[in-house]
PDB file of all heavy atoms in Angstrom:
ATOM      1  N   ILE A   1      48.091  15.662  32.179  1.00  0.00           N
ATOM      2  CA  ILE A   1      47.700  17.019  31.597  1.00  0.00           C
ATOM      3  C   ILE A   1      46.809  16.772  30.336  1.00  0.00           C
ATOM      4  O   ILE A   1      47.255  16.068  29.312  1.00  0.00           O
ATOM      5  CB  ILE A   1      48.843  17.844  31.083  1.00  0.00           C
ATOM      6  CG1 ILE A   1      49.913  18.106  32.263  1.00  0.00           C
ATOM      7  CG2 ILE A   1      48.415  19.264  30.604  1.00  0.00           C
ATOM      8  CD1 ILE A   1      49.378  18.852  33.564  1.00  0.00           C
ATOM      9  N   ARG A   2      45.617  17.141  30.448  1.00  0.00           N
ATOM     10  CA  ARG A   2      44.672  16.988  29.256  1.00  0.00           C
ATOM     11  C   ARG A   2      44.367  18.384  28.685  1.00  0.00           C
ATOM     12  O   ARG A   2      44.003  19.322  29.466  1.00  0.00           O
ATOM     13  CB  ARG A   2      43.345  16.313  29.780  1.00  0.00           C
ATOM     14  CG  ARG A   2      43.512  15.033  30.361  1.00  0.00           C
ATOM     15  CD  ARG A   2      42.260  14.226  30.422  1.00  0.00           C
ATOM     16  NE  ARG A   2      41.255  14.976  31.061  1.00  0.00           N
ATOM     17  CZ  ARG A   2      39.928  14.803  30.845  1.00  0.00           C
ATOM     18  NH1 ARG A   2      39.437  13.828  30.016  1.00  0.00           N
ATOM     19  NH2 ARG A   2      39.021  15.526  31.595  1.00  0.00           N
ATOM     20  N   ILE A   3      44.562  18.455  27.405  1.00  0.00           N
ATOM     21  CA  ILE A   3      44.352  19.815  26.678  1.00  0.00           C
ATOM     22  C   ILE A   3      43.405  19.700  25.539  1.00  0.00           C
ATOM     23  O   ILE A   3      43.629  18.729  24.716  1.00  0.00           O
ATOM     24  CB  ILE A   3      45.589  20.438  26.328  1.00  0.00           C
ATOM     25  CG1 ILE A   3      46.564  20.866  27.548  1.00  0.00           C
ATOM     26  CG2 ILE A   3      45.410  21.728  25.439  1.00  0.00           C
ATOM     27  CD1 ILE A   3      47.795  21.428  27.238  1.00  0.00           C
ATOM     28  N   ALA A   4      42.443  20.515  25.439  1.00  0.00           N
ATOM     29  CA  ALA A   4      41.708  20.610  24.168  1.00  0.00           C
ATOM     30  C   ALA A   4      41.636  22.033  23.746  1.00  0.00           C
ATOM     31  O   ALA A   4      40.969  22.970  24.586  1.00  0.00           O
ATOM     32  CB  ALA A   4      40.226  20.067  24.368  1.00  0.00           C
ATOM     33  N   ASP A   5      42.148  22.348  22.594  1.00  0.00           N
ATOM     34  CA  ASP A   5      42.224  23.804  22.341  1.00  0.00           C
ATOM     35  C   ASP A   5      41.488  24.008  20.922  1.00  0.00           C
ATOM     36  O   ASP A   5      41.897  23.714  19.869  1.00  0.00           O
ATOM     37  CB  ASP A   5      43.795  24.224  22.036  1.00  0.00           C
ATOM     38  CG  ASP A   5      43.760  25.676  21.892  1.00  0.00           C
ATOM     39  OD1 ASP A   5      42.791  26.428  21.704  1.00  0.00           O
ATOM     40  OD2 ASP A   5      45.005  26.080  22.017  1.00  0.00           O
ATOM     41  N   ARG A   6      40.202  24.420  21.065  1.00  0.00           N
ATOM     42  CA  ARG A   6      39.338  24.595  19.868  1.00  0.00           C
ATOM     43  C   ARG A   6      39.742  25.814  19.009  1.00  0.00           C
ATOM     44  O   ARG A   6      39.204  25.965  17.934  1.00  0.00           O
ATOM     45  CB  ARG A   6      37.953  24.583  20.283  1.00  0.00           C
ATOM     46  CG  ARG A   6      37.467  23.231  20.781  1.00  0.00           C
ATOM     47  CD  ARG A   6      35.960  23.208  21.228  1.00  0.00           C
ATOM     48  NE  ARG A   6      35.412  21.980  21.380  1.00  0.00           N
ATOM     49  CZ  ARG A   6      35.408  21.344  22.565  1.00  0.00           C
ATOM     50  NH1 ARG A   6      35.814  22.101  23.644  1.00  0.00           N
ATOM     51  NH2 ARG A   6      34.846  20.117  22.762  1.00  0.00           N
ATOM     52  N   ARG A   7      40.504  26.673  19.561  1.00  0.00           N
ATOM     53  CA  ARG A   7      41.030  27.828  18.867  1.00  0.00           C
ATOM     54  C   ARG A   7      41.989  27.478  17.675  1.00  0.00           C
ATOM     55  O   ARG A   7      41.981  28.166  16.605  1.00  0.00           O
ATOM     56  CB  ARG A   7      41.562  28.834  19.693  1.00  0.00           C
ATOM     57  CG  ARG A   7      40.854  29.174  20.936  1.00  0.00           C
ATOM     58  CD  ARG A   7      41.504  30.198  21.844  1.00  0.00           C
ATOM     59  NE  ARG A   7      40.786  30.352  23.111  1.00  0.00           N
ATOM     60  CZ  ARG A   7      41.172  31.206  24.158  1.00  0.00           C
ATOM     61  NH1 ARG A   7      42.144  31.986  23.880  1.00  0.00           N
ATOM     62  NH2 ARG A   7      40.548  31.372  25.196  1.00  0.00           N
ATOM     63  N   THR A   8      42.745  26.474  17.852  1.00  0.00           N
ATOM     64  CA  THR A   8      43.817  26.131  16.921  1.00  0.00           C
ATOM     65  C   THR A   8      43.615  24.751  16.422  1.00  0.00           C
ATOM     66  O   THR A   8      44.378  24.372  15.458  1.00  0.00           O
ATOM     67  CB  THR A   8      45.155  26.192  17.656  1.00  0.00           C
ATOM     68  OG1 THR A   8      45.212  25.285  18.724  1.00  0.00           O
ATOM     69  CG2 THR A   8      45.510  27.592  18.135  1.00  0.00           C
ATOM     70  N   ASP A   9      42.723  23.869  16.812  1.00  0.00           N
ATOM     71  CA  ASP A   9      42.424  22.583  16.483  1.00  0.00           C
ATOM     72  C   ASP A   9      41.121  22.382  15.879  1.00  0.00           C
ATOM     73  O   ASP A   9      40.103  22.303  16.425  1.00  0.00           O
ATOM     74  CB  ASP A   9      42.525  21.682  17.641  1.00  0.00           C
ATOM     75  CG  ASP A   9      42.456  20.104  17.229  1.00  0.00           C
ATOM     76  OD1 ASP A   9      42.348  19.907  16.014  1.00  0.00           O
ATOM     77  OD2 ASP A   9      42.403  19.333  18.148  1.00  0.00           O
ATOM     78  N   SER A  10      41.041  22.332  14.456  1.00  0.00           N
ATOM     79  CA  SER A  10      39.752  22.160  13.698  1.00  0.00           C
ATOM     80  C   SER A  10      39.252  20.857  13.822  1.00  0.00           C
ATOM     81  O   SER A  10      38.032  20.597  13.606  1.00  0.00           O
ATOM     82  CB  SER A  10      40.048  22.662  12.302  1.00  0.00           C
ATOM     83  OG  SER A  10      41.035  21.758  11.649  1.00  0.00           O
ATOM     84  N   GLU A  11      40.048  19.831  14.077  1.00  0.00           N
ATOM     85  CA  GLU A  11      39.605  18.392  14.253  1.00  0.00           C
ATOM     86  C   GLU A  11      39.018  18.144  15.707  1.00  0.00           C
ATOM     87  O   GLU A  11      38.541  17.053  15.738  1.00  0.00           O
ATOM     88  CB  GLU A  11      40.752  17.544  14.041  1.00  0.00           C
ATOM     89  CG  GLU A  11      41.242  17.604  12.608  1.00  0.00           C
ATOM     90  CD  GLU A  11      42.381  16.682  12.293  1.00  0.00           C
ATOM     91  OE1 GLU A  11      42.707  15.955  13.284  1.00  0.00           O
ATOM     92  OE2 GLU A  11      42.925  16.639  11.119  1.00  0.00           O
ATOM     93  N   ASN A  12      38.987  19.142  16.581  1.00  0.00           N
ATOM     94  CA  ASN A  12      38.342  18.965  17.867  1.00  0.00           C
ATOM     95  C   ASN A  12      38.930  17.696  18.649  1.00  0.00           C
ATOM     96  O   ASN A  12      38.229  16.812  18.876  1.00  0.00           O
ATOM     97  CB  ASN A  12      36.801  18.722  17.754  1.00  0.00           C
ATOM     98  CG  ASN A  12      36.053  19.051  19.076  1.00  0.00           C
ATOM     99  OD1 ASN A  12      36.530  19.686  19.935  1.00  0.00           O
ATOM    100  ND2 ASN A  12      34.923  18.323  19.101  1.00  0.00           N
ATOM    101  N   THR A  13      40.121  17.665  18.876  1.00  0.00           N
ATOM    102  CA  THR A  13      40.720  16.591  19.626  1.00  0.00           C
ATOM    103  C   THR A  13      41.333  16.970  20.868  1.00  0.00           C
ATOM    104  O   THR A  13      41.437  18.186  21.217  1.00  0.00           O
ATOM    105  CB  THR A  13      41.975  15.982  18.789  1.00  0.00           C
ATOM    106  OG1 THR A  13      42.947  17.084  18.540  1.00  0.00           O
ATOM    107  CG2 THR A  13      41.519  15.466  17.432  1.00  0.00           C
ATOM    108  N   MET A  14      41.458  16.001  21.774  1.00  0.00           N
ATOM    109  CA  MET A  14      41.974  16.246  23.080  1.00  0.00           C
ATOM    110  C   MET A  14      43.308  15.383  23.231  1.00  0.00           C
ATOM    111  O   MET A  14      43.395  14.084  22.847  1.00  0.00           O
ATOM    112  CB  MET A  14      40.972  15.861  24.228  1.00  0.00           C
ATOM    113  CG  MET A  14      41.499  16.070  25.578  1.00  0.00           C
ATOM    114  SD  MET A  14      42.415  14.800  26.383  1.00  0.00           S
ATOM    115  CE  MET A  14      41.252  13.294  26.432  1.00  0.00           C
ATOM    116  N   ARG A  15      44.286  15.984  23.638  1.00  0.00           N
ATOM    117  CA  ARG A  15      45.625  15.217  23.831  1.00  0.00           C
ATOM    118  C   ARG A  15      46.014  15.309  25.349  1.00  0.00           C
ATOM    119  O   ARG A  15      45.766  16.215  26.070  1.00  0.00           O
ATOM    120  CB  ARG A  15      46.741  15.816  23.007  1.00  0.00           C
ATOM    121  CG  ARG A  15      47.120  17.143  23.250  1.00  0.00           C
ATOM    122  CD  ARG A  15      48.203  17.797  22.212  1.00  0.00           C
ATOM    123  NE  ARG A  15      48.681  19.078  22.657  1.00  0.00           N
ATOM    124  CZ  ARG A  15      49.760  19.369  23.417  1.00  0.00           C
ATOM    125  NH1 ARG A  15      50.449  18.332  23.845  1.00  0.00           N
ATOM    126  NH2 ARG A  15      50.112  20.627  23.621  1.00  0.00           N
ATOM    127  N   ALA A  16      46.478  14.182  25.689  1.00  0.00           N
ATOM    128  CA  ALA A  16      47.036  14.145  27.202  1.00  0.00           C
ATOM    129  C   ALA A  16      48.417  13.618  27.085  1.00  0.00           C
ATOM    130  O   ALA A  16      48.899  12.760  26.362  1.00  0.00           O
ATOM    131  CB  ALA A  16      46.085  12.981  27.811  1.00  0.00           C
ATOM    132  N   PHE A  17      49.179  14.176  28.007  1.00  0.00           N
ATOM    133  CA  PHE A  17      50.607  13.731  28.232  1.00  0.00           C
ATOM    134  C   PHE A  17      50.765  13.791  29.719  1.00  0.00           C
ATOM    135  O   PHE A  17      49.979  14.131  30.566  1.00  0.00           O
ATOM    136  CB  PHE A  17      51.625  14.714  27.422  1.00  0.00           C
ATOM    137  CG  PHE A  17      51.591  16.195  27.936  1.00  0.00           C
ATOM    138  CD1 PHE A  17      52.217  16.691  28.971  1.00  0.00           C
ATOM    139  CD2 PHE A  17      50.710  17.072  27.214  1.00  0.00           C
ATOM    140  CE1 PHE A  17      52.155  18.075  29.379  1.00  0.00           C
ATOM    141  CE2 PHE A  17      50.659  18.416  27.610  1.00  0.00           C
ATOM    142  CZ  PHE A  17      51.351  18.850  28.628  1.00  0.00           C
ATOM    143  N   PHE A  18      51.934  13.251  30.035  1.00  0.00           N
ATOM    144  CA  PHE A  18      52.208  12.793  31.486  1.00  0.00           C
ATOM    145  C   PHE A  18      53.497  13.413  32.018  1.00  0.00           C
ATOM    146  O   PHE A  18      54.506  13.569  31.389  1.00  0.00           O
ATOM    147  CB  PHE A  18      52.254  11.423  31.680  1.00  0.00           C
ATOM    148  CG  PHE A  18      50.927  10.683  31.201  1.00  0.00           C
ATOM    149  CD1 PHE A  18      50.893  10.285  29.758  1.00  0.00           C
ATOM    150  CD2 PHE A  18      49.840  10.667  31.933  1.00  0.00           C
ATOM    151  CE1 PHE A  18      49.702   9.777  29.288  1.00  0.00           C
ATOM    152  CE2 PHE A  18      48.706  10.022  31.480  1.00  0.00           C
ATOM    153  CZ  PHE A  18      48.671   9.695  30.161  1.00  0.00           C
ATOM    154  N   LEU A  19      53.469  13.722  33.340  1.00  0.00           N
ATOM    155  CA  LEU A  19      54.719  14.113  34.070  1.00  0.00           C
ATOM    156  C   LEU A  19      55.086  13.221  35.147  1.00  0.00           C
ATOM    157  O   LEU A  19      54.138  12.760  35.804  1.00  0.00           O
ATOM    158  CB  LEU A  19      54.486  15.559  34.630  1.00  0.00           C
ATOM    159  CG  LEU A  19      54.051  16.665  33.780  1.00  0.00           C
ATOM    160  CD1 LEU A  19      53.789  17.978  34.636  1.00  0.00           C
ATOM    161  CD2 LEU A  19      54.918  16.993  32.576  1.00  0.00           C
ATOM    162  N   ASP A  20      56.400  13.001  35.324  1.00  0.00           N
ATOM    163  CA  ASP A  20      56.819  12.064  36.437  1.00  0.00           C
ATOM    164  C   ASP A  20      56.834  12.932  37.703  1.00  0.00           C
ATOM    165  O   ASP A  20      56.491  14.059  37.834  1.00  0.00           O
ATOM    166  CB  ASP A  20      58.127  11.399  36.121  1.00  0.00           C
ATOM    167  CG  ASP A  20      59.183  12.295  36.101  1.00  0.00           C
ATOM    168  OD1 ASP A  20      59.167  13.554  36.419  1.00  0.00           O
ATOM    169  OD2 ASP A  20      60.349  11.885  35.569  1.00  0.00           O
ATOM    170  N   ALA A  21      57.340  12.250  38.925  1.00  0.00           N
ATOM    171  CA  ALA A  21      57.164  12.976  40.135  1.00  0.00           C
ATOM    172  C   ALA A  21      58.094  14.209  40.196  1.00  0.00           C
ATOM    173  O   ALA A  21      57.876  15.096  40.982  1.00  0.00           O
ATOM    174  CB  ALA A  21      57.649  11.971  41.225  1.00  0.00           C
ATOM    175  N   SER A  22      59.234  14.205  39.349  1.00  0.00           N
ATOM    176  CA  SER A  22      60.084  15.355  39.290  1.00  0.00           C
ATOM    177  C   SER A  22      59.605  16.503  38.396  1.00  0.00           C
ATOM    178  O   SER A  22      60.214  17.540  38.274  1.00  0.00           O
ATOM    179  CB  SER A  22      61.544  14.813  38.853  1.00  0.00           C
ATOM    180  OG  SER A  22      61.450  14.367  37.563  1.00  0.00           O
ATOM    181  N   GLY A  23      58.526  16.170  37.625  1.00  0.00           N
ATOM    182  CA  GLY A  23      58.034  17.180  36.732  1.00  0.00           C
ATOM    183  C   GLY A  23      58.521  17.054  35.339  1.00  0.00           C
ATOM    184  O   GLY A  23      58.086  17.723  34.407  1.00  0.00           O
ATOM    185  N   LYS A  24      59.301  15.946  35.016  1.00  0.00           N
ATOM    186  CA  LYS A  24      59.781  15.697  33.647  1.00  0.00           C
ATOM    187  C   LYS A  24      58.623  15.116  32.762  1.00  0.00           C
ATOM    188  O   LYS A  24      57.910  14.213  33.229  1.00  0.00           O
ATOM    189  CB  LYS A  24      60.971  14.628  33.788  1.00  0.00           C
ATOM    190  CG  LYS A  24      61.501  14.345  32.387  1.00  0.00           C
ATOM    191  CD  LYS A  24      62.673  13.255  32.603  1.00  0.00           C
ATOM    192  CE  LYS A  24      63.128  12.848  31.201  1.00  0.00           C
ATOM    193  NZ  LYS A  24      64.225  11.851  31.291  1.00  0.00           N
ATOM    194  N   ARG A  25      58.469  15.643  31.626  1.00  0.00           N
ATOM    195  CA  ARG A  25      57.512  15.170  30.728  1.00  0.00           C
ATOM    196  C   ARG A  25      57.978  13.815  30.069  1.00  0.00           C
ATOM    197  O   ARG A  25      59.079  13.685  29.657  1.00  0.00           O
ATOM    198  CB  ARG A  25      57.275  16.152  29.598  1.00  0.00           C
ATOM    199  CG  ARG A  25      56.227  15.706  28.600  1.00  0.00           C
ATOM    200  CD  ARG A  25      55.906  16.941  27.781  1.00  0.00           C
ATOM    201  NE  ARG A  25      54.936  16.506  26.701  1.00  0.00           N
ATOM    202  CZ  ARG A  25      54.273  17.374  25.805  1.00  0.00           C
ATOM    203  NH1 ARG A  25      54.528  18.688  26.023  1.00  0.00           N
ATOM    204  NH2 ARG A  25      53.456  17.013  24.903  1.00  0.00           N
ATOM    205  N   LEU A  26      57.063  12.862  30.127  1.00  0.00           N
ATOM    206  CA  LEU A  26      57.269  11.527  29.578  1.00  0.00           C
ATOM    207  C   LEU A  26      57.016  11.470  28.117  1.00  0.00           C
ATOM    208  O   LEU A  26      56.126  12.428  27.593  1.00  0.00           O
ATOM    209  CB  LEU A  26      56.407  10.523  30.300  1.00  0.00           C
ATOM    210  CG  LEU A  26      56.567  10.458  31.983  1.00  0.00           C
ATOM    211  CD1 LEU A  26      55.639   9.570  32.490  1.00  0.00           C
ATOM    212  CD2 LEU A  26      58.081  10.093  32.222  1.00  0.00           C
ATOM    213  N   GLU A  27      57.407  10.481  27.415  1.00  0.00           N
ATOM    214  CA  GLU A  27      57.266  10.289  26.052  1.00  0.00           C
ATOM    215  C   GLU A  27      55.775   9.905  25.654  1.00  0.00           C
ATOM    216  O   GLU A  27      55.327  10.227  24.650  1.00  0.00           O
ATOM    217  CB  GLU A  27      58.132   9.305  25.428  1.00  0.00           C
ATOM    218  CG  GLU A  27      59.602   9.777  25.537  1.00  0.00           C
ATOM    219  CD  GLU A  27      60.584   8.727  24.836  1.00  0.00           C
ATOM    220  OE1 GLU A  27      60.080   7.759  24.247  1.00  0.00           O
ATOM    221  OE2 GLU A  27      61.913   9.007  24.774  1.00  0.00           O
ATOM    222  N   ALA A  28      55.208   9.147  26.642  1.00  0.00           N
ATOM    223  CA  ALA A  28      53.774   8.655  26.332  1.00  0.00           C
ATOM    224  C   ALA A  28      52.757   9.833  26.111  1.00  0.00           C
ATOM    225  O   ALA A  28      52.880  10.777  26.798  1.00  0.00           O
ATOM    226  CB  ALA A  28      53.362   7.820  27.482  1.00  0.00           C
ATOM    227  N   GLU A  29      51.989   9.569  25.220  1.00  0.00           N
ATOM    228  CA  GLU A  29      50.917  10.790  24.894  1.00  0.00           C
ATOM    229  C   GLU A  29      49.665   9.970  24.361  1.00  0.00           C
ATOM    230  O   GLU A  29      49.800   9.022  23.533  1.00  0.00           O
ATOM    231  CB  GLU A  29      51.414  11.665  23.794  1.00  0.00           C
ATOM    232  CG  GLU A  29      50.519  13.021  23.560  1.00  0.00           C
ATOM    233  CD  GLU A  29      51.169  14.016  22.704  1.00  0.00           C
ATOM    234  OE1 GLU A  29      52.333  14.350  23.051  1.00  0.00           O
ATOM    235  OE2 GLU A  29      50.467  14.471  21.965  1.00  0.00           O
ATOM    236  N   ARG A  30      48.522  10.501  24.661  1.00  0.00           N
ATOM    237  CA  ARG A  30      47.325  10.051  24.289  1.00  0.00           C
ATOM    238  C   ARG A  30      46.508  11.057  23.418  1.00  0.00           C
ATOM    239  O   ARG A  30      46.442  12.288  23.818  1.00  0.00           O
ATOM    240  CB  ARG A  30      46.415   9.511  25.499  1.00  0.00           C
ATOM    241  CG  ARG A  30      47.084   8.785  26.453  1.00  0.00           C
ATOM    242  CD  ARG A  30      47.195   7.304  26.059  1.00  0.00           C
ATOM    243  NE  ARG A  30      47.873   6.450  26.987  1.00  0.00           N
ATOM    244  CZ  ARG A  30      49.124   6.125  27.127  1.00  0.00           C
ATOM    245  NH1 ARG A  30      49.900   6.452  26.171  1.00  0.00           N
ATOM    246  NH2 ARG A  30      49.621   5.264  28.162  1.00  0.00           N
ATOM    247  N   VAL A  31      45.936  10.634  22.362  1.00  0.00           N
ATOM    248  CA  VAL A  31      45.163  11.638  21.479  1.00  0.00           C
ATOM    249  C   VAL A  31      43.734  11.010  21.190  1.00  0.00           C
ATOM    250  O   VAL A  31      43.778   9.818  20.848  1.00  0.00           O
ATOM    251  CB  VAL A  31      45.803  11.895  20.187  1.00  0.00           C
ATOM    252  CG1 VAL A  31      45.006  12.853  19.363  1.00  0.00           C
ATOM    253  CG2 VAL A  31      47.264  12.523  20.532  1.00  0.00           C
ATOM    254  N   GLY A  32      42.756  11.814  21.410  1.00  0.00           N
ATOM    255  CA  GLY A  32      41.394  11.254  21.109  1.00  0.00           C
ATOM    256  C   GLY A  32      40.439  12.410  20.821  1.00  0.00           C
ATOM    257  O   GLY A  32      40.753  13.501  20.892  1.00  0.00           O
ATOM    258  N   PRO A  33      39.245  12.082  20.542  1.00  0.00           N
ATOM    259  CA  PRO A  33      38.168  13.024  20.268  1.00  0.00           C
ATOM    260  C   PRO A  33      37.835  13.916  21.629  1.00  0.00           C
ATOM    261  O   PRO A  33      37.861  13.311  22.712  1.00  0.00           O
ATOM    262  CB  PRO A  33      36.983  12.315  19.858  1.00  0.00           C
ATOM    263  CG  PRO A  33      37.229  10.994  20.441  1.00  0.00           C
ATOM    264  CD  PRO A  33      38.658  10.658  20.384  1.00  0.00           C
ATOM    265  N   ALA A  34      37.688  15.192  21.484  1.00  0.00           N
ATOM    266  CA  ALA A  34      37.378  16.022  22.741  1.00  0.00           C
ATOM    267  C   ALA A  34      35.914  16.024  22.792  1.00  0.00           C
ATOM    268  O   ALA A  34      35.117  17.052  22.432  1.00  0.00           O
ATOM    269  CB  ALA A  34      37.910  17.452  22.382  1.00  0.00           C
ATOM    270  N   ASN A  35      35.403  14.962  23.359  1.00  0.00           N
ATOM    271  CA  ASN A  35      33.901  14.876  23.574  1.00  0.00           C
ATOM    272  C   ASN A  35      33.363  15.636  24.702  1.00  0.00           C
ATOM    273  O   ASN A  35      32.210  15.852  24.940  1.00  0.00           O
ATOM    274  CB  ASN A  35      33.536  13.333  23.704  1.00  0.00           C
ATOM    275  CG  ASN A  35      33.900  12.567  22.552  1.00  0.00           C
ATOM    276  OD1 ASN A  35      33.698  12.946  21.415  1.00  0.00           O
ATOM    277  ND2 ASN A  35      34.311  11.250  22.816  1.00  0.00           N
ATOM    278  N   PHE A  36      34.250  16.011  25.651  1.00  0.00           N
ATOM    279  CA  PHE A  36      33.938  16.868  26.748  1.00  0.00           C
ATOM    280  C   PHE A  36      33.748  18.219  26.541  1.00  0.00           C
ATOM    281  O   PHE A  36      34.735  18.836  25.941  1.00  0.00           O
ATOM    282  CB  PHE A  36      34.925  16.459  27.883  1.00  0.00           C
ATOM    283  CG  PHE A  36      34.591  17.224  29.241  1.00  0.00           C
ATOM    284  CD1 PHE A  36      33.722  16.769  30.082  1.00  0.00           C
ATOM    285  CD2 PHE A  36      35.186  18.369  29.567  1.00  0.00           C
ATOM    286  CE1 PHE A  36      33.337  17.332  31.277  1.00  0.00           C
ATOM    287  CE2 PHE A  36      34.934  18.990  30.716  1.00  0.00           C
ATOM    288  CZ  PHE A  36      34.128  18.478  31.637  1.00  0.00           C
ATOM    289  N   ASP A  37      32.702  18.863  26.963  1.00  0.00           N
ATOM    290  CA  ASP A  37      32.546  20.373  26.785  1.00  0.00           C
ATOM    291  C   ASP A  37      32.211  20.913  28.199  1.00  0.00           C
ATOM    292  O   ASP A  37      31.189  20.633  28.809  1.00  0.00           O
ATOM    293  CB  ASP A  37      31.227  20.634  25.935  1.00  0.00           C
ATOM    294  CG  ASP A  37      31.176  22.026  25.610  1.00  0.00           C
ATOM    295  OD1 ASP A  37      31.739  22.982  26.290  1.00  0.00           O
ATOM    296  OD2 ASP A  37      30.544  22.448  24.512  1.00  0.00           O
ATOM    297  N   PRO A  38      33.228  21.601  28.815  1.00  0.00           N
ATOM    298  CA  PRO A  38      33.095  22.106  30.155  1.00  0.00           C
ATOM    299  C   PRO A  38      31.874  23.049  30.307  1.00  0.00           C
ATOM    300  O   PRO A  38      31.423  23.280  31.441  1.00  0.00           O
ATOM    301  CB  PRO A  38      34.389  22.833  30.415  1.00  0.00           C
ATOM    302  CG  PRO A  38      34.982  23.135  29.034  1.00  0.00           C
ATOM    303  CD  PRO A  38      34.541  22.059  28.168  1.00  0.00           C
ATOM    304  N   ARG A  39      31.484  23.782  29.264  1.00  0.00           N
ATOM    305  CA  ARG A  39      30.421  24.614  29.400  1.00  0.00           C
ATOM    306  C   ARG A  39      29.088  24.009  29.836  1.00  0.00           C
ATOM    307  O   ARG A  39      28.121  24.686  30.087  1.00  0.00           O
ATOM    308  CB  ARG A  39      30.245  25.510  28.136  1.00  0.00           C
ATOM    309  CG  ARG A  39      31.425  26.238  27.662  1.00  0.00           C
ATOM    310  CD  ARG A  39      31.395  26.788  26.237  1.00  0.00           C
ATOM    311  NE  ARG A  39      31.288  25.646  25.176  1.00  0.00           N
ATOM    312  CZ  ARG A  39      31.280  25.826  23.928  1.00  0.00           C
ATOM    313  NH1 ARG A  39      31.320  26.985  23.448  1.00  0.00           N
ATOM    314  NH2 ARG A  39      31.256  24.680  23.100  1.00  0.00           N
ATOM    315  N   ARG A  40      29.073  22.806  29.691  1.00  0.00           N
ATOM    316  CA  ARG A  40      27.750  21.984  29.956  1.00  0.00           C
ATOM    317  C   ARG A  40      27.778  21.386  31.417  1.00  0.00           C
ATOM    318  O   ARG A  40      26.792  20.807  31.723  1.00  0.00           O
ATOM    319  CB  ARG A  40      27.538  20.981  28.976  1.00  0.00           C
ATOM    320  CG  ARG A  40      27.329  21.368  27.549  1.00  0.00           C
ATOM    321  CD  ARG A  40      27.143  20.205  26.574  1.00  0.00           C
ATOM    322  NE  ARG A  40      27.008  20.769  25.164  1.00  0.00           N
ATOM    323  CZ  ARG A  40      26.856  19.859  24.082  1.00  0.00           C
ATOM    324  NH1 ARG A  40      26.816  18.641  24.209  1.00  0.00           N
ATOM    325  NH2 ARG A  40      26.727  20.491  22.910  1.00  0.00           N
ATOM    326  N   ARG A  41      28.884  21.625  32.093  1.00  0.00           N
ATOM    327  CA  ARG A  41      28.844  21.103  33.502  1.00  0.00           C
ATOM    328  C   ARG A  41      28.443  22.022  34.432  1.00  0.00           C
ATOM    329  O   ARG A  41      28.541  23.292  34.235  1.00  0.00           O
ATOM    330  CB  ARG A  41      30.394  20.694  33.693  1.00  0.00           C
ATOM    331  CG  ARG A  41      31.056  19.711  32.772  1.00  0.00           C
ATOM    332  CD  ARG A  41      30.224  18.432  32.901  1.00  0.00           C
ATOM    333  NE  ARG A  41      30.477  17.743  34.119  1.00  0.00           N
ATOM    334  CZ  ARG A  41      29.895  16.637  34.497  1.00  0.00           C
ATOM    335  NH1 ARG A  41      28.799  16.225  33.779  1.00  0.00           N
ATOM    336  NH2 ARG A  41      30.001  16.051  35.644  1.00  0.00           N
ATOM    337  N   PRO A  42      27.734  21.572  35.515  1.00  0.00           N
ATOM    338  CA  PRO A  42      27.282  22.374  36.600  1.00  0.00           C
ATOM    339  C   PRO A  42      28.128  23.407  37.199  1.00  0.00           C
ATOM    340  O   PRO A  42      27.841  24.608  37.450  1.00  0.00           O
ATOM    341  CB  PRO A  42      26.558  21.422  37.535  1.00  0.00           C
ATOM    342  CG  PRO A  42      27.306  20.087  37.358  1.00  0.00           C
ATOM    343  CD  PRO A  42      27.708  20.158  35.947  1.00  0.00           C
TER     344      PRO A  42
END
């Protein structure tokens, strides 16, 4: 799951977390700059 929420995040970051096959959320998480802007995609 990748989420970038510019409404509440002034630092413009994107965080990613993961679910296993049963839907359980794993502890691993990735945080980085939200360089992707969907509004520019075709």
